[in-house]
Amino acid sequence: MLDKLQSVAERYDWINEQLLDPNVVTDNKAYTALAKEMKLLTPVVEKYNEYRKAEAAVAEAKEVLNESGGDKDFKQLAEEQLSENRAVMEKCAEDLKILLLPKDPNDDKNVIIEIRGGAGGDEAALFAAALYRMYSMYAETKRWKTELYNASQTGLGGYKEVSFEISGEGAYSRLKFESGVHRVQRVPETESQGRVHTSTVTVAVLPEVEDVEVEINGEDLQIDTFRASGAGGQHVNKTESAIRITHLPTGLVVECQDERSQHKNKDKAMKILRSRLYEKMLEEQNSKIASERKLQVGTGDRSERIRTYNYPQGRMTDHRIGLTLYKLEAILNGDLDETMDALITYDQAEKLNAEGTGQ
């Protein structure tokens, strides 16, 4: 590992020099690529430098302890230095193992989230609205931007489905484990007997992709326009600005009606279509290695029940990692970091274990 880290440090120094070269500075494409790589390498190099500093301190302490004679108090200080810096080295080594894990190329991307009501009718639609609010509030805590793409509302204020984008640094890295079936257990407002009902909502988290990452042939698209509508079938505008795009080879259908401009709706619909096609491509790639190693977290299987929100008990349980938190109200108000951190830590542990067993 140390040989690899030394190579990383040398690459970092080379990039640093290149970024000061006037020829590179004037080449926007080259400069941007090198700056992005440097940003990725910086935490690794900083941790490696911390390791080397502790390593030098350990060597110095050993030298003092190996000397014959000497001051007793001075040697005691050397023993403390030796112990402290060995601990620092061990901690740095563990951190570096995680930092050197293969990076998900999508981690820095924005995300498109699609939430759909499942079993439970109006109650499922109301919970879809609650999840949309939860993710929007979480985005606010991260100072990320949320933009609504498409929404199909019910008369009670829920959503049959809602699509929106969250843009900000590291958005996909934090939200990618949210794909799957979210189950809610609560007493509906319309339930006179006070019985707890169980409903489900499906969440899909898609990385936003560029045109160059997914090639779409215009001849493969069927584009239809229609009038946008709101809850209860009320027309929210009188022009056919809503867009429906059908990708004929795959049968994927995307609708967007949030904007009054047909052009803007088409751009948003194409964004969602590109992300869905990209996800489909990733699923096909992942299925090829599924028999070798199945990740317990982040499989993105939309049929997998990943979480239960139990209102009577005020708890949230993530079934993939066995995490239960009794702070449901805070979670639904966007307090998701504890859950996200636990999922990321579990995923890293699984990857480390897989690397250790050679899978």
Protein backbone atom coordinates (compact mmCIF):
# COMPACT_ATOMS: atom_id res chain seq x y z
CA MET A 1 0.00 0.00 0.00
CA LEU A 2 2.85 2.40 0.82
CA ASP A 3 4.36 2.04 -2.66
CA LYS A 4 0.99 2.94 -4.16
CA LEU A 5 0.68 5.92 -1.84
CA GLN A 6 4.12 7.18 -2.80
CA SER A 7 3.07 7.04 -6.46
CA VAL A 8 -0.09 8.99 -5.62
CA ALA A 9 1.99 11.63 -3.80
CA GLU A 10 4.33 11.95 -6.78
CA ARG A 11 1.37 12.31 -9.13
CA TYR A 12 -0.08 14.99 -6.84
CA ASP A 13 3.19 16.97 -6.90
CA TRP A 14 3.34 16.69 -10.71
CA ILE A 15 -0.22 17.96 -11.07
CA ASN A 16 0.58 20.85 -8.73
CA GLU A 17 3.45 21.86 -11.00
CA GLN A 18 1.29 21.51 -14.12
CA LEU A 19 -1.37 23.80 -12.69
CA LEU A 20 1.25 26.54 -12.46
CA ASP A 21 2.34 26.07 -16.08
CA PRO A 22 1.05 29.00 -18.24
CA ASN A 23 0.36 26.61 -21.14
CA VAL A 24 -1.93 24.51 -18.94
CA VAL A 25 -3.59 27.53 -17.35
CA THR A 26 -4.67 28.79 -20.78
CA ASP A 27 -5.98 25.34 -21.80
CA ASN A 28 -9.32 25.31 -20.00
CA LYS A 29 -10.08 21.63 -20.69
CA ALA A 30 -6.68 20.38 -19.49
CA TYR A 31 -6.68 22.70 -16.46
CA THR A 32 -10.18 21.60 -15.39
CA ALA A 33 -9.30 17.89 -15.72
CA LEU A 34 -6.10 18.30 -13.67
CA ALA A 35 -7.83 20.42 -11.02
CA LYS A 36 -10.54 17.75 -10.67
CA GLU A 37 -7.94 14.99 -10.30
CA MET A 38 -6.04 17.05 -7.73
CA LYS A 39 -9.22 17.51 -5.70
CA LEU A 40 -9.69 13.71 -5.63
CA LEU A 41 -6.06 13.07 -4.64
CA THR A 42 -5.81 15.78 -1.97
CA PRO A 43 -7.46 13.86 0.95
CA VAL A 44 -5.30 10.80 0.15
CA VAL A 45 -2.06 12.82 0.06
CA GLU A 46 -2.94 14.76 3.21
CA LYS A 47 -3.63 11.52 5.10
CA TYR A 48 -0.43 9.95 3.68
CA ASN A 49 1.60 12.98 4.85
CA GLU A 50 0.04 12.61 8.30
CA TYR A 51 1.08 8.93 8.28
CA ARG A 52 4.66 9.79 7.23
CA LYS A 53 4.92 12.48 9.91
CA ALA A 54 3.83 9.99 12.59
CA GLU A 55 6.21 7.40 11.12
CA ALA A 56 9.13 9.84 11.45
CA ALA A 57 8.15 10.58 15.04
CA VAL A 58 8.09 6.83 15.83
CA ALA A 59 11.58 6.42 14.33
CA GLU A 60 12.87 9.36 16.38
CA ALA A 61 11.37 7.95 19.60
CA LYS A 62 12.92 4.53 18.94
CA GLU A 63 16.31 6.14 18.41
CA VAL A 64 16.09 7.91 21.78
CA LEU A 65 15.04 4.70 23.57
CA ASN A 66 17.88 2.72 21.98
CA GLU A 67 20.49 5.12 23.26
CA SER A 68 22.39 3.95 26.30
CA GLY A 69 22.14 6.12 29.38
CA GLY A 70 20.26 9.36 29.02
CA ASP A 71 17.74 11.23 31.11
CA LYS A 72 14.93 9.10 32.61
CA ASP A 73 12.24 11.76 32.08
CA PHE A 74 13.40 12.27 28.51
CA LYS A 75 13.02 8.55 27.82
CA GLN A 76 9.54 8.57 29.37
CA LEU A 77 8.56 11.34 26.95
CA ALA A 78 10.00 9.27 24.10
CA GLU A 79 7.88 6.26 25.15
CA GLU A 80 4.75 8.43 25.17
CA GLN A 81 5.68 9.80 21.74
CA LEU A 82 6.21 6.28 20.46
CA SER A 83 2.82 5.08 21.74
CA GLU A 84 0.89 8.12 20.52
CA ASN A 85 2.36 8.11 17.02
CA ARG A 86 1.96 4.37 16.56
CA ALA A 87 -1.74 4.90 17.27
CA VAL A 88 -1.81 7.74 14.70
CA MET A 89 -0.13 5.46 12.13
CA GLU A 90 -2.70 2.71 12.71
CA LYS A 91 -5.60 5.16 12.37
CA CYS A 92 -4.13 6.69 9.22
CA ALA A 93 -3.58 3.25 7.70
CA GLU A 94 -7.25 2.36 8.24
CA ASP A 95 -8.38 5.69 6.79
CA LEU A 96 -6.10 5.25 3.79
CA LYS A 97 -7.55 1.82 3.02
CA ILE A 98 -10.96 3.46 2.66
CA LEU A 99 -9.60 6.43 0.68
CA LEU A 100 -7.91 4.03 -1.76
CA LEU A 101 -11.09 2.07 -2.47
CA PRO A 102 -12.22 2.42 -6.11
CA LYS A 103 -14.32 5.57 -6.40
CA ASP A 104 -17.85 5.47 -7.76
CA PRO A 105 -17.54 7.65 -10.89
CA ASN A 106 -21.03 9.02 -10.24
CA ASP A 107 -20.41 10.21 -6.67
CA ASP A 108 -19.90 13.88 -7.56
CA LYS A 109 -22.93 14.05 -9.86
CA ASN A 110 -26.28 15.69 -9.31
CA VAL A 111 -29.23 13.34 -8.89
CA ILE A 112 -32.71 12.93 -10.27
CA ILE A 113 -35.07 11.37 -7.73
CA GLU A 114 -38.33 9.73 -8.76
CA ILE A 115 -40.88 8.91 -6.05
CA ARG A 116 -43.98 6.85 -6.85
CA GLY A 117 -46.86 5.82 -4.62
CA GLY A 118 -47.15 2.03 -4.40
CA ALA A 119 -49.56 -0.11 -2.40
CA GLY A 120 -51.98 1.92 -0.31
CA GLY A 121 -53.74 4.30 -2.69
CA ASP A 122 -54.20 7.81 -1.28
CA GLU A 123 -52.20 6.97 1.82
CA ALA A 124 -49.21 5.93 -0.32
CA ALA A 125 -49.55 9.15 -2.33
CA LEU A 126 -49.54 11.21 0.88
CA PHE A 127 -46.38 9.46 2.05
CA ALA A 128 -44.77 10.08 -1.35
CA ALA A 129 -45.36 13.79 -0.62
CA ALA A 130 -43.79 13.34 2.84
CA LEU A 131 -40.66 11.78 1.30
CA TYR A 132 -40.42 14.55 -1.30
CA ARG A 133 -40.53 17.06 1.56
CA MET A 134 -37.94 15.03 3.53
CA TYR A 135 -35.41 14.99 0.69
CA SER A 136 -36.05 18.67 -0.11
CA MET A 137 -35.38 19.62 3.52
CA TYR A 138 -32.25 17.45 3.60
CA ALA A 139 -31.03 19.23 0.45
CA GLU A 140 -31.54 22.56 2.24
CA THR A 141 -29.30 21.46 5.12
CA LYS A 142 -26.58 20.69 2.55
CA ARG A 143 -27.18 23.94 0.66
CA TRP A 144 -28.07 21.94 -2.44
CA LYS A 145 -30.57 23.16 -5.00
CA THR A 146 -33.87 21.33 -5.60
CA GLU A 147 -35.79 21.68 -8.87
CA LEU A 148 -39.15 20.06 -9.53
CA TYR A 149 -39.40 18.23 -12.87
CA ASN A 150 -42.77 16.53 -12.92
CA ALA A 151 -45.59 15.92 -10.44
CA SER A 152 -48.88 14.06 -10.60
CA GLN A 153 -50.88 15.22 -7.59
CA THR A 154 -53.94 13.70 -5.93
CA GLY A 155 -56.91 15.59 -4.58
CA LEU A 156 -55.71 15.10 -0.97
CA GLY A 157 -52.34 16.75 -1.62
CA GLY A 158 -50.32 13.60 -2.18
CA TYR A 159 -48.33 12.53 -5.24
CA LYS A 160 -48.96 9.54 -7.47
CA GLU A 161 -45.46 10.32 -8.66
CA VAL A 162 -43.01 13.19 -8.43
CA SER A 163 -39.64 13.70 -10.16
CA PHE A 164 -37.11 16.33 -9.12
CA GLU A 165 -33.42 17.15 -9.35
CA ILE A 166 -31.08 17.78 -6.44
CA SER A 167 -27.88 19.50 -7.53
CA GLY A 168 -24.85 20.06 -5.34
CA GLU A 169 -21.41 18.70 -4.56
CA GLY A 170 -21.53 15.02 -3.57
CA ALA A 171 -25.31 14.75 -3.95
CA TYR A 172 -25.22 11.27 -5.52
CA SER A 173 -22.63 9.99 -3.02
CA ARG A 174 -25.03 10.78 -0.15
CA LEU A 175 -28.36 9.86 -1.75
CA LYS A 176 -27.52 6.82 -3.88
CA PHE A 177 -28.56 4.33 -1.20
CA GLU A 178 -32.15 5.63 -1.13
CA SER A 179 -33.34 3.56 -4.12
CA GLY A 180 -35.87 0.91 -3.17
CA VAL A 181 -39.22 0.41 -1.47
CA HIS A 182 -39.97 2.64 1.54
CA ARG A 183 -42.72 1.29 3.80
CA VAL A 184 -44.86 3.43 6.09
CA GLN A 185 -46.97 2.23 9.01
CA ARG A 186 -49.40 4.79 10.44
CA VAL A 187 -53.05 5.55 11.13
CA PRO A 188 -54.48 7.40 8.11
CA GLU A 189 -56.42 10.60 8.78
CA THR A 190 -59.40 9.02 7.02
CA GLU A 191 -59.37 5.93 9.29
CA SER A 192 -62.10 6.27 11.89
CA GLN A 193 -61.24 3.04 13.74
CA GLY A 194 -57.65 4.11 14.49
CA ARG A 195 -56.13 1.07 12.77
CA VAL A 196 -52.53 1.19 11.57
CA HIS A 197 -52.24 0.82 7.80
CA THR A 198 -49.15 -0.22 5.86
CA SER A 199 -48.40 1.50 2.55
CA THR A 200 -45.38 1.56 0.26
CA VAL A 201 -43.60 4.12 -1.88
CA THR A 202 -40.91 3.43 -4.47
CA VAL A 203 -37.86 5.70 -4.70
CA ALA A 204 -35.38 5.71 -7.60
CA VAL A 205 -32.18 7.77 -7.40
CA LEU A 206 -30.56 8.38 -10.80
CA PRO A 207 -27.24 10.11 -11.43
CA GLU A 208 -27.60 13.03 -13.84
CA VAL A 209 -25.61 12.25 -16.99
CA GLU A 210 -24.26 14.31 -19.86
CA ASP A 211 -25.12 13.91 -23.53
CA VAL A 212 -21.73 12.30 -24.22
CA GLU A 213 -22.31 9.54 -21.64
CA VAL A 214 -25.52 8.22 -23.20
CA GLU A 215 -26.07 8.40 -26.94
CA ILE A 216 -29.73 8.79 -27.95
CA ASN A 217 -30.79 8.51 -31.56
CA GLY A 218 -33.53 11.02 -32.39
CA GLU A 219 -35.21 8.43 -34.63
CA ASP A 220 -35.74 6.24 -31.56
CA LEU A 221 -37.92 8.86 -29.86
CA GLN A 222 -41.65 9.44 -30.05
CA ILE A 223 -42.46 12.89 -28.69
CA ASP A 224 -46.04 13.85 -27.82
CA THR A 225 -47.38 17.10 -26.42
CA PHE A 226 -50.43 17.57 -24.20
CA ARG A 227 -51.96 20.05 -21.81
CA ALA A 228 -50.50 20.08 -18.31
CA SER A 229 -52.97 19.24 -15.57
CA GLY A 230 -53.08 19.48 -11.82
CA ALA A 231 -55.04 17.79 -9.05
CA GLY A 232 -58.61 16.92 -9.96
CA GLY A 233 -57.95 17.26 -13.66
CA GLN A 234 -57.78 21.06 -13.52
CA HIS A 235 -55.75 22.46 -16.41
CA VAL A 236 -52.89 24.57 -15.12
CA ASN A 237 -52.32 26.11 -18.55
CA LYS A 238 -54.18 26.29 -21.81
CA THR A 239 -51.36 25.41 -24.20
CA GLU A 240 -49.93 21.99 -24.98
CA SER A 241 -46.67 22.60 -23.13
CA ALA A 242 -46.44 19.22 -21.37
CA ILE A 243 -44.12 16.68 -23.00
CA ARG A 244 -44.21 12.89 -23.17
CA ILE A 245 -41.15 11.15 -24.63
CA THR A 246 -41.18 7.44 -25.47
CA HIS A 247 -37.86 5.70 -26.12
CA LEU A 248 -39.01 3.11 -28.64
CA PRO A 249 -36.15 0.54 -28.29
CA THR A 250 -36.63 0.20 -24.51
CA GLY A 251 -40.24 1.33 -24.05
CA LEU A 252 -39.21 3.89 -21.41
CA VAL A 253 -41.72 6.73 -21.08
CA VAL A 254 -40.92 10.10 -19.51
CA GLU A 255 -43.35 12.96 -18.90
CA CYS A 256 -42.63 16.53 -17.84
CA GLN A 257 -45.19 19.28 -17.31
CA ASP A 258 -43.80 21.49 -14.56
CA GLU A 259 -42.72 24.32 -16.86
CA ARG A 260 -45.03 26.49 -18.95
CA SER A 261 -42.48 26.32 -21.76
CA GLN A 262 -42.66 23.26 -24.02
CA HIS A 263 -38.95 23.65 -24.77
CA LYS A 264 -37.99 23.61 -21.06
CA ASN A 265 -40.21 20.60 -20.40
CA LYS A 266 -38.55 18.76 -23.28
CA ASP A 267 -35.07 19.53 -21.90
CA LYS A 268 -36.07 18.21 -18.48
CA ALA A 269 -37.69 15.10 -19.95
CA MET A 270 -34.53 14.36 -21.95
CA LYS A 271 -32.45 14.71 -18.75
CA ILE A 272 -34.60 12.10 -17.03
CA LEU A 273 -34.53 9.81 -20.06
CA ARG A 274 -30.72 9.98 -20.29
CA SER A 275 -30.44 9.16 -16.57
CA ARG A 276 -32.86 6.21 -16.85
CA LEU A 277 -31.00 4.79 -19.86
CA TYR A 278 -27.71 5.23 -17.99
CA GLU A 279 -29.16 3.42 -14.96
CA LYS A 280 -30.36 0.62 -17.22
CA MET A 281 -26.86 0.31 -18.67
CA LEU A 282 -25.34 0.18 -15.16
CA GLU A 283 -27.85 -2.48 -14.07
CA GLU A 284 -26.84 -4.66 -17.01
CA GLN A 285 -23.17 -4.26 -16.10
CA ASN A 286 -23.83 -4.98 -12.41
CA SER A 287 -25.84 -8.10 -13.20
CA LYS A 288 -22.74 -9.58 -14.81
CA ILE A 289 -20.78 -9.39 -11.55
CA ALA A 290 -23.69 -10.10 -9.20
CA SER A 291 -22.79 -13.79 -8.97
CA GLU A 292 -19.26 -12.89 -7.86
CA ARG A 293 -20.15 -10.37 -5.18
CA LYS A 294 -23.56 -9.07 -4.08
CA LEU A 295 -23.46 -5.76 -2.23
CA GLN A 296 -25.99 -5.62 0.58
CA VAL A 297 -26.26 -1.84 0.24
CA GLY A 298 -26.67 0.16 -2.91
CA THR A 299 -27.91 -2.55 -5.23
CA GLY A 300 -30.52 -0.09 -6.46
CA ASP A 301 -33.12 -2.85 -6.66
CA ARG A 302 -36.40 -0.97 -6.69
CA SER A 303 -38.32 -4.04 -5.54
CA GLU A 304 -36.20 -4.35 -2.40
CA ARG A 305 -37.89 -3.15 0.82
CA ILE A 306 -35.16 -1.03 2.32
CA ARG A 307 -36.81 0.96 5.09
CA THR A 308 -39.83 1.19 7.38
CA TYR A 309 -41.18 4.40 8.90
CA ASN A 310 -43.38 3.49 11.89
CA TYR A 311 -45.37 6.50 13.15
CA PRO A 312 -46.95 4.95 16.30
CA GLN A 313 -43.50 3.98 17.63
CA GLY A 314 -41.74 7.07 16.22
CA ARG A 315 -39.06 4.92 14.64
CA MET A 316 -37.28 4.44 11.35
CA THR A 317 -35.65 1.10 10.55
CA ASP A 318 -33.26 0.50 7.66
CA HIS A 319 -33.52 -3.23 7.01
CA ARG A 320 -30.30 -3.54 4.99
CA ILE A 321 -28.01 -2.64 7.89
CA GLY A 322 -30.28 -3.28 10.88
CA LEU A 323 -30.31 0.39 11.89
CA THR A 324 -33.23 1.62 14.03
CA LEU A 325 -33.56 5.25 15.11
CA TYR A 326 -36.30 6.56 17.38
CA LYS A 327 -36.42 10.07 15.94
CA LEU A 328 -38.90 9.73 13.10
CA GLU A 329 -40.12 13.33 13.20
CA ALA A 330 -36.58 14.69 12.89
CA ILE A 331 -35.81 12.29 10.02
CA LEU A 332 -38.93 13.33 8.10
CA ASN A 333 -37.81 16.93 8.64
CA GLY A 334 -34.59 16.21 6.76
CA ASP A 335 -32.29 14.96 9.55
CA LEU A 336 -30.79 12.17 7.42
CA ASP A 337 -27.04 12.43 8.03
CA GLU A 338 -26.91 9.73 10.72
CA THR A 339 -28.67 7.29 8.39
CA MET A 340 -26.55 8.27 5.37
CA ASP A 341 -23.30 7.98 7.37
CA ALA A 342 -24.25 4.50 8.61
CA LEU A 343 -25.06 3.31 5.07
CA ILE A 344 -21.80 4.71 3.67
CA THR A 345 -19.76 3.15 6.48
CA TYR A 346 -21.44 -0.23 5.94
CA ASP A 347 -20.83 -0.05 2.20
CA GLN A 348 -17.15 0.79 2.75
CA ALA A 349 -16.79 -2.13 5.16
CA GLU A 350 -18.33 -4.50 2.60
CA LYS A 351 -15.94 -3.27 -0.07
CA LEU A 352 -12.94 -3.60 2.24
CA ASN A 353 -14.02 -7.13 3.11
CA ALA A 354 -14.41 -7.96 -0.58
CA GLU A 355 -10.93 -6.59 -1.33
CA GLY A 356 -9.50 -8.63 1.53
CA THR A 357 -11.02 -11.87 0.24
CA GLY A 358 -10.04 -11.10 -3.35
CA GLN A 359 -13.60 -10.95 -4.67
